[in-house]
Structures are given as structure tokens and as C-alpha cells.
Amino acid sequence: MAFKRYHKGKTKSRSGYEERIKKDLDARGITYGYESIKMQYTKVCCKHCGGAAVTSTYTPDFVFDATLPNVVESKGFFNSSDRTKMLAVKRDNPKACIRIIFQRNDRLKAGVEKRYGDWADQHGFEWASGESIPDRWITCHIPVVPLIVKVRKKAQKTKVENEA
């Protein structure tokens, strides 16, 4: 599929929506990479029979930190294959901060009440809509998971006896 490229200097955008987001980031003085990294994920060719798994690559639109990575995907139209891909990327890259900015919070399908944002909430993606990436997304804040330590009963008794 050929994309109409939008030019700004030496970089090219895949859509006018991405170009407007880039202009906003430039105006705010935010450093970012545009399609500057690739993330690997595995997709199953046929989910009904569990067919062959194929390794593929995903190129996020905006990258704010390539080491984590901290990425933002911009979507104007969010079809079923895009949703499946985003779930696979998230599954195979658990340490990555992956966020989605939608041009509009449209319905997933005609006649269905569920919207893009509802899907994102259901699957644990942080999302926004509009043409400006929220400031809080520029840095990745990975939630701290509390460490649960199991203490053996013998160890507790020994500790109590030593204190007495």
C-alpha cells in the first residue's frame, strides 16, 4: 500500500494527522524521534487453529526514549488488524510504555457503542484524543509493583524466639 507522504524538512509523515502532531511537538520544543525504532512482536497467522507464529516488526510513530522504550502511536482510523497488532506488541514488549493518541474517539464499528477509548481502557493502554500529545507522556512513569515476600512460619518462629 502506497502512502501519501507529507514533507517537513527531511522527514516524511504517513498522514496529515502525524504531521500536525509533529508541528505541535516542534512548537513546544519537545525532542522526539519519528519512526526511529522498531519493536519485534509475534503474530499468529490463524487464531482459530493456532497456526504458525510469525515474527514481525512494529514501527511506532513517536519515540521519546528509545531505551525503555517510551512510544506514542497516532491513529486516525483504528481498524481490527491495528488493534490485534497493538495487543501483540504490548504482550511481547512488557517493559515498553506504549500509548495511543486518537484523532477522534470514534466508534469501533458502525452501530456499536464501543469507542476507541473504551477498547484502550479495556486492554490497559493509556490514550488521549486530539492533536497534541499530553505533557505527562513525554517521560515514562512505569508503575511500581509492590514486592510480595512470603515468609515461612519456621523463620518467623525462630526470629521471635531470638528476640525473647
C-alpha atoms as a PDB file:
ATOM      1  CA  MET A   1       0.000   0.000   0.000  1.00  0.00           C
ATOM      2  CA  ALA A   2       1.472   3.339  -1.012  1.00  0.00           C
ATOM      3  CA  PHE A   3       1.251   6.228   1.421  1.00  0.00           C
ATOM      4  CA  LYS A   4       0.984   9.849   0.506  1.00  0.00           C
ATOM      5  CA  ARG A   5       3.969  11.417   2.228  1.00  0.00           C
ATOM      6  CA  TYR A   6       3.784  14.777   3.941  1.00  0.00           C
ATOM      7  CA  HIS A   7       7.107  16.583   3.908  1.00  0.00           C
ATOM      8  CA  LYS A   8       8.612  18.748   6.596  1.00  0.00           C
ATOM      9  CA  GLY A   9      12.282  19.261   6.114  1.00  0.00           C
ATOM     10  CA  LYS A  10      13.980  15.902   5.667  1.00  0.00           C
ATOM     11  CA  THR A  11      11.379  13.798   7.493  1.00  0.00           C
ATOM     12  CA  LYS A  12       8.244  12.439   5.914  1.00  0.00           C
ATOM     13  CA  SER A  13       4.950  11.667   7.612  1.00  0.00           C
ATOM     14  CA  ARG A  14       2.497   8.979   6.674  1.00  0.00           C
ATOM     15  CA  SER A  15      -0.507  11.227   7.259  1.00  0.00           C
ATOM     16  CA  GLY A  16      -1.584  14.796   7.759  1.00  0.00           C
ATOM     17  CA  TYR A  17      -2.558  13.872  11.332  1.00  0.00           C
ATOM     18  CA  GLU A  18       1.007  12.773  12.138  1.00  0.00           C
ATOM     19  CA  GLU A  19       2.333  15.940  10.508  1.00  0.00           C
ATOM     20  CA  ARG A  20       0.125  18.115  12.742  1.00  0.00           C
ATOM     21  CA  ILE A  21       1.323  16.268  15.851  1.00  0.00           C
ATOM     22  CA  LYS A  22       4.946  16.791  14.749  1.00  0.00           C
ATOM     23  CA  LYS A  23       4.313  20.523  14.283  1.00  0.00           C
ATOM     24  CA  ASP A  24       2.818  20.704  17.784  1.00  0.00           C
ATOM     25  CA  LEU A  25       5.814  18.896  19.328  1.00  0.00           C
ATOM     26  CA  ASP A  26       8.222  21.183  17.442  1.00  0.00           C
ATOM     27  CA  ALA A  27       6.342  24.282  18.609  1.00  0.00           C
ATOM     28  CA  ARG A  28       6.561  23.071  22.221  1.00  0.00           C
ATOM     29  CA  GLY A  29      10.297  22.378  21.866  1.00  0.00           C
ATOM     30  CA  ILE A  30       9.978  18.679  22.682  1.00  0.00           C
ATOM     31  CA  THR A  31      12.696  16.309  21.479  1.00  0.00           C
ATOM     32  CA  TYR A  32      11.350  13.169  19.810  1.00  0.00           C
ATOM     33  CA  GLY A  33      12.140  10.573  17.209  1.00  0.00           C
ATOM     34  CA  TYR A  34       9.760   9.910  14.332  1.00  0.00           C
ATOM     35  CA  GLU A  35       9.576   6.227  13.372  1.00  0.00           C
ATOM     36  CA  SER A  36      13.111   5.905  14.729  1.00  0.00           C
ATOM     37  CA  ILE A  37      12.941   2.437  16.329  1.00  0.00           C
ATOM     38  CA  LYS A  38      11.462  -0.952  15.556  1.00  0.00           C
ATOM     39  CA  MET A  39       9.906  -3.287  18.105  1.00  0.00           C
ATOM     40  CA  GLN A  40       9.524  -7.013  17.490  1.00  0.00           C
ATOM     41  CA  TYR A  41       6.329  -8.931  18.149  1.00  0.00           C
ATOM     42  CA  THR A  42       4.900 -12.331  17.278  1.00  0.00           C
ATOM     43  CA  LYS A  43       1.656 -12.733  15.413  1.00  0.00           C
ATOM     44  CA  VAL A  44      -0.278 -15.946  14.904  1.00  0.00           C
ATOM     45  CA  CYS A  45      -1.379 -16.403  11.306  1.00  0.00           C
ATOM     46  CA  CYS A  46      -4.620 -18.198  12.137  1.00  0.00           C
ATOM     47  CA  LYS A  47      -6.038 -17.679  15.601  1.00  0.00           C
ATOM     48  CA  HIS A  48      -8.661 -20.410  15.124  1.00  0.00           C
ATOM     49  CA  CYS A  49      -6.226 -23.287  14.589  1.00  0.00           C
ATOM     50  CA  GLY A  50      -3.224 -21.710  16.297  1.00  0.00           C
ATOM     51  CA  GLY A  51      -1.276 -21.687  13.046  1.00  0.00           C
ATOM     52  CA  ALA A  52       2.342 -20.770  12.593  1.00  0.00           C
ATOM     53  CA  ALA A  53       3.692 -17.866  14.599  1.00  0.00           C
ATOM     54  CA  VAL A  54       5.473 -15.223  12.567  1.00  0.00           C
ATOM     55  CA  THR A  55       7.853 -12.629  13.984  1.00  0.00           C
ATOM     56  CA  SER A  56       7.149  -9.152  12.702  1.00  0.00           C
ATOM     57  CA  THR A  57       8.261  -5.609  13.450  1.00  0.00           C
ATOM     58  CA  TYR A  58       6.269  -2.609  14.596  1.00  0.00           C
ATOM     59  CA  THR A  59       7.485   0.929  13.990  1.00  0.00           C
ATOM     60  CA  PRO A  60       5.940   3.363  16.492  1.00  0.00           C
ATOM     61  CA  ASP A  61       5.191   6.870  15.261  1.00  0.00           C
ATOM     62  CA  PHE A  62       6.737   8.931  18.056  1.00  0.00           C
ATOM     63  CA  VAL A  63       9.604   7.879  20.336  1.00  0.00           C
ATOM     64  CA  PHE A  64      10.543   9.873  23.435  1.00  0.00           C
ATOM     65  CA  ASP A  65      13.005   7.428  25.000  1.00  0.00           C
ATOM     66  CA  ALA A  66      14.389   4.538  22.980  1.00  0.00           C
ATOM     67  CA  THR A  67      15.890   2.740  25.987  1.00  0.00           C
ATOM     68  CA  LEU A  68      12.584   1.905  27.708  1.00  0.00           C
ATOM     69  CA  PRO A  69      11.063   2.456  25.045  1.00  0.00           C
ATOM     70  CA  ASN A  70       8.543   5.256  25.581  1.00  0.00           C
ATOM     71  CA  VAL A  71       6.412   5.450  22.428  1.00  0.00           C
ATOM     72  CA  VAL A  72       3.193   7.006  21.180  1.00  0.00           C
ATOM     73  CA  GLU A  73       1.163   5.635  18.287  1.00  0.00           C
ATOM     74  CA  SER A  74      -1.103   8.099  16.477  1.00  0.00           C
ATOM     75  CA  LYS A  75      -4.237   6.681  14.891  1.00  0.00           C
ATOM     76  CA  GLY A  76      -6.814   8.339  12.731  1.00  0.00           C
ATOM     77  CA  PHE A  77      -8.647   5.120  11.805  1.00  0.00           C
ATOM     78  CA  PHE A  78      -8.199   2.188  14.213  1.00  0.00           C
ATOM     79  CA  ASN A  79      -9.238  -0.998  12.436  1.00  0.00           C
ATOM     80  CA  SER A  80      -9.318  -4.585  13.697  1.00  0.00           C
ATOM     81  CA  SER A  81      -5.859  -5.512  12.382  1.00  0.00           C
ATOM     82  CA  ASP A  82      -4.342  -2.436  14.095  1.00  0.00           C
ATOM     83  CA  ARG A  83      -5.986  -3.434  17.386  1.00  0.00           C
ATOM     84  CA  THR A  84      -4.676  -7.004  17.109  1.00  0.00           C
ATOM     85  CA  LYS A  85      -1.175  -5.717  16.320  1.00  0.00           C
ATOM     86  CA  MET A  86      -1.149  -3.326  19.288  1.00  0.00           C
ATOM     87  CA  LEU A  87      -2.150  -6.145  21.657  1.00  0.00           C
ATOM     88  CA  ALA A  88       0.659  -8.367  20.322  1.00  0.00           C
ATOM     89  CA  VAL A  89       3.221  -5.546  20.599  1.00  0.00           C
ATOM     90  CA  LYS A  90       2.180  -4.845  24.181  1.00  0.00           C
ATOM     91  CA  ARG A  91       2.297  -8.563  25.069  1.00  0.00           C
ATOM     92  CA  ASP A  92       5.786  -9.045  23.589  1.00  0.00           C
ATOM     93  CA  ASN A  93       7.251  -5.768  24.936  1.00  0.00           C
ATOM     94  CA  PRO A  94       6.019  -5.638  28.552  1.00  0.00           C
ATOM     95  CA  LYS A  95       8.568  -3.019  29.692  1.00  0.00           C
ATOM     96  CA  ALA A  96       7.622  -0.532  26.972  1.00  0.00           C
ATOM     97  CA  CYS A  97       5.402   2.479  27.653  1.00  0.00           C
ATOM     98  CA  ILE A  98       3.001   2.302  24.714  1.00  0.00           C
ATOM     99  CA  ARG A  99       0.357   4.997  24.438  1.00  0.00           C
ATOM    100  CA  ILE A 100      -2.148   5.774  21.716  1.00  0.00           C
ATOM    101  CA  ILE A 101      -3.412   9.159  20.597  1.00  0.00           C
ATOM    102  CA  PHE A 102      -6.563   9.044  18.501  1.00  0.00           C
ATOM    103  CA  GLN A 103      -7.577  11.765  16.099  1.00  0.00           C
ATOM    104  CA  ARG A 104     -11.146  11.286  17.299  1.00  0.00           C
ATOM    105  CA  ASN A 105     -12.682   8.885  19.799  1.00  0.00           C
ATOM    106  CA  ASP A 106     -14.819   7.223  17.105  1.00  0.00           C
ATOM    107  CA  ARG A 107     -16.890   4.069  17.327  1.00  0.00           C
ATOM    108  CA  LEU A 108     -15.064   0.807  16.621  1.00  0.00           C
ATOM    109  CA  LYS A 109     -17.746  -0.188  14.100  1.00  0.00           C
ATOM    110  CA  ALA A 110     -20.937   1.359  12.798  1.00  0.00           C
ATOM    111  CA  GLY A 111     -23.862   0.505  15.036  1.00  0.00           C
ATOM    112  CA  VAL A 112     -21.652  -0.396  18.010  1.00  0.00           C
ATOM    113  CA  GLU A 113     -21.473   1.841  21.069  1.00  0.00           C
ATOM    114  CA  LYS A 114     -17.899   0.845  21.989  1.00  0.00           C
ATOM    115  CA  ARG A 115     -15.381   3.528  21.064  1.00  0.00           C
ATOM    116  CA  TYR A 116     -11.609   3.571  20.531  1.00  0.00           C
ATOM    117  CA  GLY A 117     -11.053   4.845  24.063  1.00  0.00           C
ATOM    118  CA  ASP A 118     -13.232   2.087  25.546  1.00  0.00           C
ATOM    119  CA  TRP A 119     -11.116  -0.509  23.744  1.00  0.00           C
ATOM    120  CA  ALA A 120      -7.907   1.128  25.004  1.00  0.00           C
ATOM    121  CA  ASP A 121      -9.210   1.195  28.593  1.00  0.00           C
ATOM    122  CA  GLN A 122     -10.284  -2.448  28.365  1.00  0.00           C
ATOM    123  CA  HIS A 123      -6.806  -3.526  27.236  1.00  0.00           C
ATOM    124  CA  GLY A 124      -4.750  -1.287  29.545  1.00  0.00           C
ATOM    125  CA  PHE A 125      -3.488   1.310  27.065  1.00  0.00           C
ATOM    126  CA  GLU A 126      -3.176   4.917  28.145  1.00  0.00           C
ATOM    127  CA  TRP A 127      -4.872   7.027  25.477  1.00  0.00           C
ATOM    128  CA  ALA A 128      -5.901  10.537  24.515  1.00  0.00           C
ATOM    129  CA  SER A 129      -7.654  12.149  21.591  1.00  0.00           C
ATOM    130  CA  GLY A 130      -6.805  15.326  19.747  1.00  0.00           C
ATOM    131  CA  GLU A 131      -3.745  16.716  18.025  1.00  0.00           C
ATOM    132  CA  SER A 132      -1.471  17.314  20.998  1.00  0.00           C
ATOM    133  CA  ILE A 133       0.404  14.629  22.931  1.00  0.00           C
ATOM    134  CA  PRO A 134      -0.076  15.222  26.682  1.00  0.00           C
ATOM    135  CA  ASP A 135       2.996  16.557  28.526  1.00  0.00           C
ATOM    136  CA  ARG A 136       2.866  13.705  31.048  1.00  0.00           C
ATOM    137  CA  TRP A 137       3.531  11.212  28.204  1.00  0.00           C
ATOM    138  CA  ILE A 138       6.906  12.720  27.345  1.00  0.00           C
ATOM    139  CA  THR A 139       8.504  10.878  30.256  1.00  0.00           C
ATOM    140  CA  CYS A 140       7.589   7.304  31.048  1.00  0.00           C
ATOM    141  CA  HIS A 141       6.466   6.568  34.566  1.00  0.00           C
ATOM    142  CA  ILE A 142       6.439   2.814  34.947  1.00  0.00           C
ATOM    143  CA  PRO A 143       4.117   1.857  37.795  1.00  0.00           C
ATOM    144  CA  VAL A 144       5.943   0.327  40.726  1.00  0.00           C
ATOM    145  CA  VAL A 145       4.611  -3.135  41.508  1.00  0.00           C
ATOM    146  CA  PRO A 146       4.871  -3.902  45.222  1.00  0.00           C
ATOM    147  CA  LEU A 147       7.155  -6.811  46.008  1.00  0.00           C
ATOM    148  CA  ILE A 148       5.280  -9.545  47.855  1.00  0.00           C
ATOM    149  CA  VAL A 149       7.546 -11.586  50.083  1.00  0.00           C
ATOM    150  CA  LYS A 150       6.357 -14.866  51.538  1.00  0.00           C
ATOM    151  CA  VAL A 151       7.748 -15.558  54.971  1.00  0.00           C
ATOM    152  CA  ARG A 152       7.982 -19.131  56.163  1.00  0.00           C
ATOM    153  CA  LYS A 153       6.409 -19.889  59.520  1.00  0.00           C
ATOM    154  CA  LYS A 154       9.605 -21.552  60.799  1.00  0.00           C
ATOM    155  CA  ALA A 155      11.612 -18.448  60.027  1.00  0.00           C
ATOM    156  CA  GLN A 156       9.106 -16.290  61.902  1.00  0.00           C
ATOM    157  CA  LYS A 157       9.181 -18.517  64.995  1.00  0.00           C
ATOM    158  CA  THR A 158      12.973 -18.515  65.022  1.00  0.00           C
ATOM    159  CA  LYS A 159      13.039 -14.745  64.751  1.00  0.00           C
ATOM    160  CA  VAL A 160      10.555 -14.352  67.605  1.00  0.00           C
ATOM    161  CA  GLU A 161      12.497 -16.790  69.808  1.00  0.00           C
ATOM    162  CA  ASN A 162      15.715 -14.866  69.177  1.00  0.00           C
ATOM    163  CA  GLU A 163      14.098 -11.599  70.232  1.00  0.00           C
ATOM    164  CA  ALA A 164      12.868 -13.035  73.551  1.00  0.00           C
END
